[in-house]
Amino acid sequence: MVQWLAYLGRLFAALVLILLAVIVMFSAITGKESGRPFAIGTAAVFAVAGAFTWPRRPNAWRSDPPTERQLAFARDLGIAVPRGISKGQLSDLISDAKAVRDAF
């Protein structure tokens, strides 16, 4: 329920930003201002695009599969990477291996 309320709040903010972008773009087109309103309008459009994304849990990345770059770095550190390991688990192993490497 809280996620839906947060999403609706972001949706409302996005609609307000769309209205602001339209007003700013109109003033840029009519020539009352220089290029500054166009930049503000563009920033508002990007903010609107970000407002429509569904919020992800802060640590959701930890359950994703590891990247190829992360696997290669783990192998360079001498870590035997087990099958089915998550990105977060491998990150913890890499942190431990780096701490051991830097201790000596």
PDB file of N, CA and C in Angstrom:
ATOM      1  N   MET A   1       0.816  -1.193   0.000  1.00  0.00           N
ATOM      2  CA  MET A   1       0.000   0.000   0.000  1.00  0.00           C
ATOM      3  C   MET A   1       0.863   1.262   0.000  1.00  0.00           C
ATOM      4  N   VAL A   2       1.931   1.230   0.800  1.00  0.00           N
ATOM      5  CA  VAL A   2       2.812   2.395   0.870  1.00  0.00           C
ATOM      6  C   VAL A   2       3.490   2.630  -0.477  1.00  0.00           C
ATOM      7  N   GLN A   3       3.852   1.539  -1.166  1.00  0.00           N
ATOM      8  CA  GLN A   3       4.487   1.692  -2.476  1.00  0.00           C
ATOM      9  C   GLN A   3       3.541   2.356  -3.465  1.00  0.00           C
ATOM     10  N   TRP A   4       2.259   1.990  -3.403  1.00  0.00           N
ATOM     11  CA  TRP A   4       1.293   2.600  -4.305  1.00  0.00           C
ATOM     12  C   TRP A   4       1.129   4.081  -4.011  1.00  0.00           C
ATOM     13  N   LEU A   5       1.114   4.439  -2.731  1.00  0.00           N
ATOM     14  CA  LEU A   5       1.002   5.854  -2.386  1.00  0.00           C
ATOM     15  C   LEU A   5       2.224   6.629  -2.860  1.00  0.00           C
ATOM     16  N   ALA A   6       3.399   6.026  -2.705  1.00  0.00           N
ATOM     17  CA  ALA A   6       4.620   6.672  -3.182  1.00  0.00           C
ATOM     18  C   ALA A   6       4.579   6.829  -4.698  1.00  0.00           C
ATOM     19  N   TYR A   7       4.089   5.805  -5.389  1.00  0.00           N
ATOM     20  CA  TYR A   7       4.001   5.870  -6.846  1.00  0.00           C
ATOM     21  C   TYR A   7       3.005   6.941  -7.279  1.00  0.00           C
ATOM     22  N   LEU A   8       1.865   7.035  -6.595  1.00  0.00           N
ATOM     23  CA  LEU A   8       0.876   8.056  -6.940  1.00  0.00           C
ATOM     24  C   LEU A   8       1.424   9.456  -6.670  1.00  0.00           C
ATOM     25  N   GLY A   9       2.188   9.605  -5.595  1.00  0.00           N
ATOM     26  CA  GLY A   9       2.816  10.892  -5.322  1.00  0.00           C
ATOM     27  C   GLY A   9       3.794  11.280  -6.416  1.00  0.00           C
ATOM     28  N   ARG A  10       4.571  10.308  -6.881  1.00  0.00           N
ATOM     29  CA  ARG A  10       5.511  10.580  -7.966  1.00  0.00           C
ATOM     30  C   ARG A  10       4.769  10.890  -9.260  1.00  0.00           C
ATOM     31  N   LEU A  11       3.633  10.230  -9.479  1.00  0.00           N
ATOM     32  CA  LEU A  11       2.841  10.483 -10.669  1.00  0.00           C
ATOM     33  C   LEU A  11       2.282  11.910 -10.645  1.00  0.00           C
ATOM     34  N   PHE A  12       1.797  12.345  -9.484  1.00  0.00           N
ATOM     35  CA  PHE A  12       1.301  13.711  -9.342  1.00  0.00           C
ATOM     36  C   PHE A  12       2.428  14.714  -9.599  1.00  0.00           C
ATOM     37  N   ALA A  13       3.593  14.439  -9.025  1.00  0.00           N
ATOM     38  CA  ALA A  13       4.737  15.327  -9.245  1.00  0.00           C
ATOM     39  C   ALA A  13       5.112  15.365 -10.721  1.00  0.00           C
ATOM     40  N   ALA A  14       5.004  14.231 -11.392  1.00  0.00           N
ATOM     41  CA  ALA A  14       5.318  14.184 -12.819  1.00  0.00           C
ATOM     42  C   ALA A  14       4.346  15.031 -13.619  1.00  0.00           C
ATOM     43  N   LEU A  15       3.073  14.979 -13.260  1.00  0.00           N
ATOM     44  CA  LEU A  15       2.087  15.791 -13.975  1.00  0.00           C
ATOM     45  C   LEU A  15       2.340  17.283 -13.764  1.00  0.00           C
ATOM     46  N   VAL A  16       2.728  17.644 -12.563  1.00  0.00           N
ATOM     47  CA  VAL A  16       3.071  19.040 -12.291  1.00  0.00           C
ATOM     48  C   VAL A  16       4.293  19.450 -13.123  1.00  0.00           C
ATOM     49  N   LEU A  17       5.274  18.571 -13.209  1.00  0.00           N
ATOM     50  CA  LEU A  17       6.464  18.880 -14.005  1.00  0.00           C
ATOM     51  C   LEU A  17       6.143  18.981 -15.492  1.00  0.00           C
ATOM     52  N   ILE A  18       5.213  18.156 -15.962  1.00  0.00           N
ATOM     53  CA  ILE A  18       4.804  18.256 -17.369  1.00  0.00           C
ATOM     54  C   ILE A  18       4.187  19.626 -17.624  1.00  0.00           C
ATOM     55  N   LEU A  19       3.315  20.055 -16.726  1.00  0.00           N
ATOM     56  CA  LEU A  19       2.699  21.374 -16.868  1.00  0.00           C
ATOM     57  C   LEU A  19       3.767  22.470 -16.847  1.00  0.00           C
ATOM     58  N   LEU A  20       4.721  22.362 -15.939  1.00  0.00           N
ATOM     59  CA  LEU A  20       5.809  23.331 -15.867  1.00  0.00           C
ATOM     60  C   LEU A  20       6.624  23.322 -17.161  1.00  0.00           C
ATOM     61  N   ALA A  21       6.899  22.130 -17.677  1.00  0.00           N
ATOM     62  CA  ALA A  21       7.675  22.031 -18.917  1.00  0.00           C
ATOM     63  C   ALA A  21       6.944  22.690 -20.072  1.00  0.00           C
ATOM     64  N   VAL A  22       5.640  22.494 -20.147  1.00  0.00           N
ATOM     65  CA  VAL A  22       4.861  23.104 -21.229  1.00  0.00           C
ATOM     66  C   VAL A  22       4.896  24.628 -21.120  1.00  0.00           C
ATOM     67  N   ILE A  23       4.745  25.137 -19.908  1.00  0.00           N
ATOM     68  CA  ILE A  23       4.774  26.587 -19.710  1.00  0.00           C
ATOM     69  C   ILE A  23       6.138  27.163 -20.078  1.00  0.00           C
ATOM     70  N   VAL A  24       7.196  26.487 -19.627  1.00  0.00           N
ATOM     71  CA  VAL A  24       8.553  26.970 -19.899  1.00  0.00           C
ATOM     72  C   VAL A  24       8.868  26.881 -21.382  1.00  0.00           C
ATOM     73  N   MET A  25       8.482  25.787 -22.019  1.00  0.00           N
ATOM     74  CA  MET A  25       8.735  25.640 -23.456  1.00  0.00           C
ATOM     75  C   MET A  25       7.964  26.705 -24.243  1.00  0.00           C
ATOM     76  N   PHE A  26       6.740  26.998 -23.814  1.00  0.00           N
ATOM     77  CA  PHE A  26       5.953  28.027 -24.497  1.00  0.00           C
ATOM     78  C   PHE A  26       6.627  29.385 -24.398  1.00  0.00           C
ATOM     79  N   SER A  27       7.176  29.702 -23.216  1.00  0.00           N
ATOM     80  CA  SER A  27       7.852  30.997 -23.088  1.00  0.00           C
ATOM     81  C   SER A  27       9.128  31.026 -23.920  1.00  0.00           C
ATOM     82  N   ALA A  28       9.772  29.877 -24.102  1.00  0.00           N
ATOM     83  CA  ALA A  28      10.967  29.838 -24.952  1.00  0.00           C
ATOM     84  C   ALA A  28      10.593  30.010 -26.422  1.00  0.00           C
ATOM     85  N   ILE A  29       9.460  29.445 -26.810  1.00  0.00           N
ATOM     86  CA  ILE A  29       9.035  29.546 -28.211  1.00  0.00           C
ATOM     87  C   ILE A  29       8.592  30.970 -28.535  1.00  0.00           C
ATOM     88  N   THR A  30       7.897  31.597 -27.603  1.00  0.00           N
ATOM     89  CA  THR A  30       7.419  32.954 -27.866  1.00  0.00           C
ATOM     90  C   THR A  30       8.541  33.981 -27.847  1.00  0.00           C
ATOM     91  N   GLY A  31       9.724  33.600 -27.372  1.00  0.00           N
ATOM     92  CA  GLY A  31      10.874  34.476 -27.435  1.00  0.00           C
ATOM     93  C   GLY A  31      11.008  35.431 -26.270  1.00  0.00           C
ATOM     94  N   LYS A  32      10.255  35.209 -25.211  1.00  0.00           N
ATOM     95  CA  LYS A  32      10.361  36.109 -24.070  1.00  0.00           C
ATOM     96  C   LYS A  32      11.650  35.877 -23.285  1.00  0.00           C
ATOM     97  N   GLU A  33      12.214  34.722 -23.410  1.00  0.00           N
ATOM     98  CA  GLU A  33      13.451  34.388 -22.706  1.00  0.00           C
ATOM     99  C   GLU A  33      14.451  33.850 -23.725  1.00  0.00           C
ATOM    100  N   SER A  34      15.679  33.636 -23.275  1.00  0.00           N
ATOM    101  CA  SER A  34      16.703  33.073 -24.162  1.00  0.00           C
ATOM    102  C   SER A  34      16.631  31.550 -24.118  1.00  0.00           C
ATOM    103  N   GLY A  35      17.751  30.860 -24.226  1.00  0.00           N
ATOM    104  CA  GLY A  35      17.787  29.401 -24.240  1.00  0.00           C
ATOM    105  C   GLY A  35      17.618  28.761 -22.881  1.00  0.00           C
ATOM    106  N   ARG A  36      17.641  29.548 -21.830  1.00  0.00           N
ATOM    107  CA  ARG A  36      17.545  29.002 -20.476  1.00  0.00           C
ATOM    108  C   ARG A  36      16.240  28.244 -20.224  1.00  0.00           C
ATOM    109  N   PRO A  37      15.066  28.774 -20.623  1.00  0.00           N
ATOM    110  CA  PRO A  37      13.836  28.017 -20.396  1.00  0.00           C
ATOM    111  C   PRO A  37      13.827  26.673 -21.116  1.00  0.00           C
ATOM    112  N   PHE A  38      14.452  26.632 -22.291  1.00  0.00           N
ATOM    113  CA  PHE A  38      14.502  25.359 -23.009  1.00  0.00           C
ATOM    114  C   PHE A  38      15.273  24.319 -22.207  1.00  0.00           C
ATOM    115  N   ALA A  39      16.373  24.740 -21.574  1.00  0.00           N
ATOM    116  CA  ALA A  39      17.154  23.820 -20.745  1.00  0.00           C
ATOM    117  C   ALA A  39      16.362  23.377 -19.522  1.00  0.00           C
ATOM    118  N   ILE A  40      15.622  24.297 -18.917  1.00  0.00           N
ATOM    119  CA  ILE A  40      14.801  23.946 -17.760  1.00  0.00           C
ATOM    120  C   ILE A  40      13.698  22.991 -18.183  1.00  0.00           C
ATOM    121  N   GLY A  41      13.090  23.245 -19.313  1.00  0.00           N
ATOM    122  CA  GLY A  41      12.046  22.355 -19.823  1.00  0.00           C
ATOM    123  C   GLY A  41      12.572  20.972 -20.122  1.00  0.00           C
ATOM    124  N   THR A  42      13.770  20.902 -20.686  1.00  0.00           N
ATOM    125  CA  THR A  42      14.389  19.606 -20.965  1.00  0.00           C
ATOM    126  C   THR A  42      14.665  18.855 -19.664  1.00  0.00           C
ATOM    127  N   ALA A  43      15.164  19.558 -18.664  1.00  0.00           N
ATOM    128  CA  ALA A  43      15.409  18.919 -17.369  1.00  0.00           C
ATOM    129  C   ALA A  43      14.105  18.419 -16.759  1.00  0.00           C
ATOM    130  N   ALA A  44      13.035  19.174 -16.921  1.00  0.00           N
ATOM    131  CA  ALA A  44      11.741  18.749 -16.393  1.00  0.00           C
ATOM    132  C   ALA A  44      11.253  17.500 -17.104  1.00  0.00           C
ATOM    133  N   VAL A  45      11.474  17.418 -18.401  1.00  0.00           N
ATOM    134  CA  VAL A  45      11.062  16.219 -19.146  1.00  0.00           C
ATOM    135  C   VAL A  45      11.828  14.993 -18.649  1.00  0.00           C
ATOM    136  N   PHE A  46      13.126  15.125 -18.389  1.00  0.00           N
ATOM    137  CA  PHE A  46      13.893  14.000 -17.859  1.00  0.00           C
ATOM    138  C   PHE A  46      13.431  13.623 -16.460  1.00  0.00           C
ATOM    139  N   ALA A  47      13.057  14.608 -15.666  1.00  0.00           N
ATOM    140  CA  ALA A  47      12.530  14.314 -14.321  1.00  0.00           C
ATOM    141  C   ALA A  47      11.210  13.571 -14.418  1.00  0.00           C
ATOM    142  N   VAL A  48      10.396  13.931 -15.378  1.00  0.00           N
ATOM    143  CA  VAL A  48       9.121  13.231 -15.573  1.00  0.00           C
ATOM    144  C   VAL A  48       9.372  11.790 -15.971  1.00  0.00           C
ATOM    145  N   ALA A  49      10.326  11.570 -16.852  1.00  0.00           N
ATOM    146  CA  ALA A  49      10.636  10.200 -17.272  1.00  0.00           C
ATOM    147  C   ALA A  49      11.095   9.357 -16.078  1.00  0.00           C
ATOM    148  N   GLY A  50      11.860   9.953 -15.185  1.00  0.00           N
ATOM    149  CA  GLY A  50      12.304   9.233 -13.998  1.00  0.00           C
ATOM    150  C   GLY A  50      11.181   8.989 -13.014  1.00  0.00           C
ATOM    151  N   ALA A  51      10.180   9.847 -13.007  1.00  0.00           N
ATOM    152  CA  ALA A  51       9.071   9.700 -12.065  1.00  0.00           C
ATOM    153  C   ALA A  51       8.167   8.529 -12.423  1.00  0.00           C
ATOM    154  N   PHE A  52       8.183   8.103 -13.678  1.00  0.00           N
ATOM    155  CA  PHE A  52       7.300   7.019 -14.085  1.00  0.00           C
ATOM    156  C   PHE A  52       7.915   5.636 -13.906  1.00  0.00           C
ATOM    157  N   THR A  53       9.129   5.559 -13.424  1.00  0.00           N
ATOM    158  CA  THR A  53       9.722   4.249 -13.177  1.00  0.00           C
ATOM    159  C   THR A  53       9.254   3.720 -11.839  1.00  0.00           C
ATOM    160  N   TRP A  54       9.000   2.424 -11.778  1.00  0.00           N
ATOM    161  CA  TRP A  54       8.529   1.820 -10.542  1.00  0.00           C
ATOM    162  C   TRP A  54       9.697   1.737  -9.568  1.00  0.00           C
ATOM    163  N   PRO A  55       9.503   2.143  -8.317  1.00  0.00           N
ATOM    164  CA  PRO A  55      10.622   2.120  -7.366  1.00  0.00           C
ATOM    165  C   PRO A  55      11.063   0.698  -7.052  1.00  0.00           C
ATOM    166  N   ARG A  56      12.356   0.500  -7.000  1.00  0.00           N
ATOM    167  CA  ARG A  56      12.950  -0.798  -6.693  1.00  0.00           C
ATOM    168  C   ARG A  56      13.432  -0.793  -5.258  1.00  0.00           C
ATOM    169  N   ARG A  57      13.403  -1.941  -4.621  1.00  0.00           N
ATOM    170  CA  ARG A  57      13.929  -2.026  -3.265  1.00  0.00           C
ATOM    171  C   ARG A  57      15.400  -1.624  -3.285  1.00  0.00           C
ATOM    172  N   PRO A  58      15.908  -1.005  -2.206  1.00  0.00           N
ATOM    173  CA  PRO A  58      17.293  -0.519  -2.208  1.00  0.00           C
ATOM    174  C   PRO A  58      18.332  -1.613  -2.447  1.00  0.00           C
ATOM    175  N   ASN A  59      18.128  -2.809  -1.940  1.00  0.00           N
ATOM    176  CA  ASN A  59      19.111  -3.877  -2.095  1.00  0.00           C
ATOM    177  C   ASN A  59      18.663  -4.946  -3.076  1.00  0.00           C
ATOM    178  N   ALA A  60      17.787  -4.601  -3.996  1.00  0.00           N
ATOM    179  CA  ALA A  60      17.281  -5.586  -4.956  1.00  0.00           C
ATOM    180  C   ALA A  60      18.395  -6.103  -5.868  1.00  0.00           C
ATOM    181  N   TRP A  61      19.436  -5.308  -6.080  1.00  0.00           N
ATOM    182  CA  TRP A  61      20.529  -5.712  -6.963  1.00  0.00           C
ATOM    183  C   TRP A  61      21.256  -6.924  -6.418  1.00  0.00           C
ATOM    184  N   ARG A  62      21.215  -7.129  -5.108  1.00  0.00           N
ATOM    185  CA  ARG A  62      21.969  -8.215  -4.494  1.00  0.00           C
ATOM    186  C   ARG A  62      21.487  -9.588  -4.957  1.00  0.00           C
ATOM    187  N   SER A  63      20.230  -9.694  -5.360  1.00  0.00           N
ATOM    188  CA  SER A  63      19.704 -10.991  -5.799  1.00  0.00           C
ATOM    189  C   SER A  63      19.881 -11.217  -7.296  1.00  0.00           C
ATOM    190  N   ASP A  64      20.355 -10.214  -8.021  1.00  0.00           N
ATOM    191  CA  ASP A  64      20.605 -10.363  -9.456  1.00  0.00           C
ATOM    192  C   ASP A  64      21.786 -11.298  -9.692  1.00  0.00           C
ATOM    193  N   PRO A  65      21.875 -11.889 -10.886  1.00  0.00           N
ATOM    194  CA  PRO A  65      23.052 -12.707 -11.202  1.00  0.00           C
ATOM    195  C   PRO A  65      24.283 -11.824 -11.369  1.00  0.00           C
ATOM    196  N   PRO A  66      25.463 -12.347 -11.060  1.00  0.00           N
ATOM    197  CA  PRO A  66      26.683 -11.530 -11.180  1.00  0.00           C
ATOM    198  C   PRO A  66      26.984 -11.181 -12.636  1.00  0.00           C
ATOM    199  N   THR A  67      27.653 -10.056 -12.820  1.00  0.00           N
ATOM    200  CA  THR A  67      28.041  -9.629 -14.159  1.00  0.00           C
ATOM    201  C   THR A  67      29.324 -10.346 -14.584  1.00  0.00           C
ATOM    202  N   GLU A  68      29.586 -10.329 -15.865  1.00  0.00           N
ATOM    203  CA  GLU A  68      30.816 -10.961 -16.382  1.00  0.00           C
ATOM    204  C   GLU A  68      32.050 -10.266 -15.816  1.00  0.00           C
ATOM    205  N   ARG A  69      31.983  -8.961 -15.700  1.00  0.00           N
ATOM    206  CA  ARG A  69      33.113  -8.206 -15.167  1.00  0.00           C
ATOM    207  C   ARG A  69      33.362  -8.565 -13.699  1.00  0.00           C
ATOM    208  N   GLN A  70      32.292  -8.737 -12.947  1.00  0.00           N
ATOM    209  CA  GLN A  70      32.418  -9.113 -11.539  1.00  0.00           C
ATOM    210  C   GLN A  70      33.005 -10.522 -11.422  1.00  0.00           C
ATOM    211  N   LEU A  71      32.555 -11.436 -12.286  1.00  0.00           N
ATOM    212  CA  LEU A  71      33.093 -12.805 -12.273  1.00  0.00           C
ATOM    213  C   LEU A  71      34.575 -12.812 -12.630  1.00  0.00           C
ATOM    214  N   ALA A  72      34.955 -12.018 -13.624  1.00  0.00           N
ATOM    215  CA  ALA A  72      36.362 -11.968 -14.030  1.00  0.00           C
ATOM    216  C   ALA A  72      37.229 -11.401 -12.907  1.00  0.00           C
ATOM    217  N   PHE A  73      36.745 -10.362 -12.222  1.00  0.00           N
ATOM    218  CA  PHE A  73      37.498  -9.775 -11.122  1.00  0.00           C
ATOM    219  C   PHE A  73      37.647 -10.769  -9.975  1.00  0.00           C
ATOM    220  N   ALA A  74      36.585 -11.523  -9.714  1.00  0.00           N
ATOM    221  CA  ALA A  74      36.640 -12.531  -8.652  1.00  0.00           C
ATOM    222  C   ALA A  74      37.670 -13.610  -8.993  1.00  0.00           C
ATOM    223  N   ARG A  75      37.708 -14.022 -10.245  1.00  0.00           N
ATOM    224  CA  ARG A  75      38.703 -15.029 -10.656  1.00  0.00           C
ATOM    225  C   ARG A  75      40.119 -14.480 -10.550  1.00  0.00           C
ATOM    226  N   ASP A  76      40.307 -13.195 -10.890  1.00  0.00           N
ATOM    227  CA  ASP A  76      41.625 -12.568 -10.761  1.00  0.00           C
ATOM    228  C   ASP A  76      42.094 -12.536  -9.307  1.00  0.00           C
ATOM    229  N   LEU A  77      41.138 -12.429  -8.393  1.00  0.00           N
ATOM    230  CA  LEU A  77      41.481 -12.440  -6.970  1.00  0.00           C
ATOM    231  C   LEU A  77      41.684 -13.852  -6.423  1.00  0.00           C
ATOM    232  N   GLY A  78      41.422 -14.845  -7.263  1.00  0.00           N
ATOM    233  CA  GLY A  78      41.608 -16.234  -6.837  1.00  0.00           C
ATOM    234  C   GLY A  78      40.401 -16.833  -6.135  1.00  0.00           C
ATOM    235  N   ILE A  79      39.261 -16.270  -6.342  1.00  0.00           N
ATOM    236  CA  ILE A  79      38.039 -16.778  -5.724  1.00  0.00           C
ATOM    237  C   ILE A  79      37.455 -17.872  -6.608  1.00  0.00           C
ATOM    238  N   ALA A  80      37.150 -19.025  -6.001  1.00  0.00           N
ATOM    239  CA  ALA A  80      36.446 -20.092  -6.704  1.00  0.00           C
ATOM    240  C   ALA A  80      34.955 -19.752  -6.646  1.00  0.00           C
ATOM    241  N   VAL A  81      34.399 -19.358  -7.775  1.00  0.00           N
ATOM    242  CA  VAL A  81      33.019 -18.880  -7.818  1.00  0.00           C
ATOM    243  C   VAL A  81      32.065 -20.070  -7.946  1.00  0.00           C
ATOM    244  N   PRO A  82      31.227 -20.302  -6.928  1.00  0.00           N
ATOM    245  CA  PRO A  82      30.274 -21.409  -7.020  1.00  0.00           C
ATOM    246  C   PRO A  82      29.122 -21.089  -7.972  1.00  0.00           C
ATOM    247  N   ARG A  83      28.512 -22.115  -8.523  1.00  0.00           N
ATOM    248  CA  ARG A  83      27.375 -21.927  -9.421  1.00  0.00           C
ATOM    249  C   ARG A  83      26.177 -21.392  -8.639  1.00  0.00           C
ATOM    250  N   GLY A  84      25.399 -20.566  -9.286  1.00  0.00           N
ATOM    251  CA  GLY A  84      24.181 -20.055  -8.691  1.00  0.00           C
ATOM    252  C   GLY A  84      24.385 -18.946  -7.664  1.00  0.00           C
ATOM    253  N   ILE A  85      25.583 -18.409  -7.576  1.00  0.00           N
ATOM    254  CA  ILE A  85      25.842 -17.342  -6.606  1.00  0.00           C
ATOM    255  C   ILE A  85      25.184 -16.050  -7.096  1.00  0.00           C
ATOM    256  N   SER A  86      24.742 -15.241  -6.169  1.00  0.00           N
ATOM    257  CA  SER A  86      24.114 -13.969  -6.535  1.00  0.00           C
ATOM    258  C   SER A  86      25.169 -12.862  -6.590  1.00  0.00           C
ATOM    259  N   LYS A  87      24.767 -11.745  -7.149  1.00  0.00           N
ATOM    260  CA  LYS A  87      25.663 -10.604  -7.258  1.00  0.00           C
ATOM    261  C   LYS A  87      26.082 -10.100  -5.879  1.00  0.00           C
ATOM    262  N   GLY A  88      25.153 -10.077  -4.944  1.00  0.00           N
ATOM    263  CA  GLY A  88      25.457  -9.613  -3.595  1.00  0.00           C
ATOM    264  C   GLY A  88      26.400 -10.546  -2.851  1.00  0.00           C
ATOM    265  N   GLN A  89      26.178 -11.863  -2.992  1.00  0.00           N
ATOM    266  CA  GLN A  89      27.056 -12.825  -2.335  1.00  0.00           C
ATOM    267  C   GLN A  89      28.467 -12.728  -2.894  1.00  0.00           C
ATOM    268  N   LEU A  90      28.568 -12.606  -4.215  1.00  0.00           N
ATOM    269  CA  LEU A  90      29.892 -12.490  -4.830  1.00  0.00           C
ATOM    270  C   LEU A  90      30.555 -11.175  -4.431  1.00  0.00           C
ATOM    271  N   SER A  91      29.769 -10.122  -4.293  1.00  0.00           N
ATOM    272  CA  SER A  91      30.321  -8.849  -3.841  1.00  0.00           C
ATOM    273  C   SER A  91      30.925  -8.988  -2.446  1.00  0.00           C
ATOM    274  N   ASP A  92      30.250  -9.719  -1.565  1.00  0.00           N
ATOM    275  CA  ASP A  92      30.784  -9.946  -0.222  1.00  0.00           C
ATOM    276  C   ASP A  92      32.085 -10.742  -0.263  1.00  0.00           C
ATOM    277  N   LEU A  93      32.127 -11.779  -1.120  1.00  0.00           N
ATOM    278  CA  LEU A  93      33.351 -12.572  -1.251  1.00  0.00           C
ATOM    279  C   LEU A  93      34.500 -11.728  -1.788  1.00  0.00           C
ATOM    280  N   ILE A  94      34.206 -10.865  -2.761  1.00  0.00           N
ATOM    281  CA  ILE A  94      35.233  -9.995  -3.330  1.00  0.00           C
ATOM    282  C   ILE A  94      35.759  -9.032  -2.267  1.00  0.00           C
ATOM    283  N   SER A  95      34.857  -8.473  -1.470  1.00  0.00           N
ATOM    284  CA  SER A  95      35.283  -7.556  -0.403  1.00  0.00           C
ATOM    285  C   SER A  95      36.195  -8.262   0.594  1.00  0.00           C
ATOM    286  N   ASP A  96      35.843  -9.493   0.956  1.00  0.00           N
ATOM    287  CA  ASP A  96      36.679 -10.252   1.889  1.00  0.00           C
ATOM    288  C   ASP A  96      38.044 -10.554   1.284  1.00  0.00           C
ATOM    289  N   ALA A  97      38.059 -10.961   0.008  1.00  0.00           N
ATOM    290  CA  ALA A  97      39.324 -11.288  -0.649  1.00  0.00           C
ATOM    291  C   ALA A  97      40.203 -10.049  -0.792  1.00  0.00           C
ATOM    292  N   LYS A  98      39.614  -8.900  -1.074  1.00  0.00           N
ATOM    293  CA  LYS A  98      40.388  -7.665  -1.175  1.00  0.00           C
ATOM    294  C   LYS A  98      40.958  -7.267   0.177  1.00  0.00           C
ATOM    295  N   ALA A  99      40.194  -7.478   1.245  1.00  0.00           N
ATOM    296  CA  ALA A  99      40.693  -7.153   2.585  1.00  0.00           C
ATOM    297  C   ALA A  99      41.879  -8.025   2.950  1.00  0.00           C
ATOM    298  N   VAL A 100      41.813  -9.313   2.594  1.00  0.00           N
ATOM    299  CA  VAL A 100      42.928 -10.218   2.867  1.00  0.00           C
ATOM    300  C   VAL A 100      44.135  -9.810   2.024  1.00  0.00           C
ATOM    301  N   ARG A 101      43.904  -9.506   0.738  1.00  0.00           N
ATOM    302  CA  ARG A 101      44.999  -9.129  -0.156  1.00  0.00           C
ATOM    303  C   ARG A 101      45.687  -7.843   0.321  1.00  0.00           C
ATOM    304  N   ASP A 102      44.912  -6.883   0.739  1.00  0.00           N
ATOM    305  CA  ASP A 102      45.472  -5.596   1.169  1.00  0.00           C
ATOM    306  C   ASP A 102      46.116  -5.669   2.534  1.00  0.00           C
ATOM    307  N   ALA A 103      45.800  -6.694   3.310  1.00  0.00           N
ATOM    308  CA  ALA A 103      46.386  -6.842   4.660  1.00  0.00           C
ATOM    309  C   ALA A 103      47.845  -7.267   4.576  1.00  0.00           C
ATOM    310  N   PHE A 104      48.215  -7.889   3.473  1.00  0.00           N
ATOM    311  CA  PHE A 104      49.594  -8.389   3.372  1.00  0.00           C
ATOM    312  C   PHE A 104      50.417  -7.580   2.451  1.00  0.00           C
TER     313      PHE A 104
END
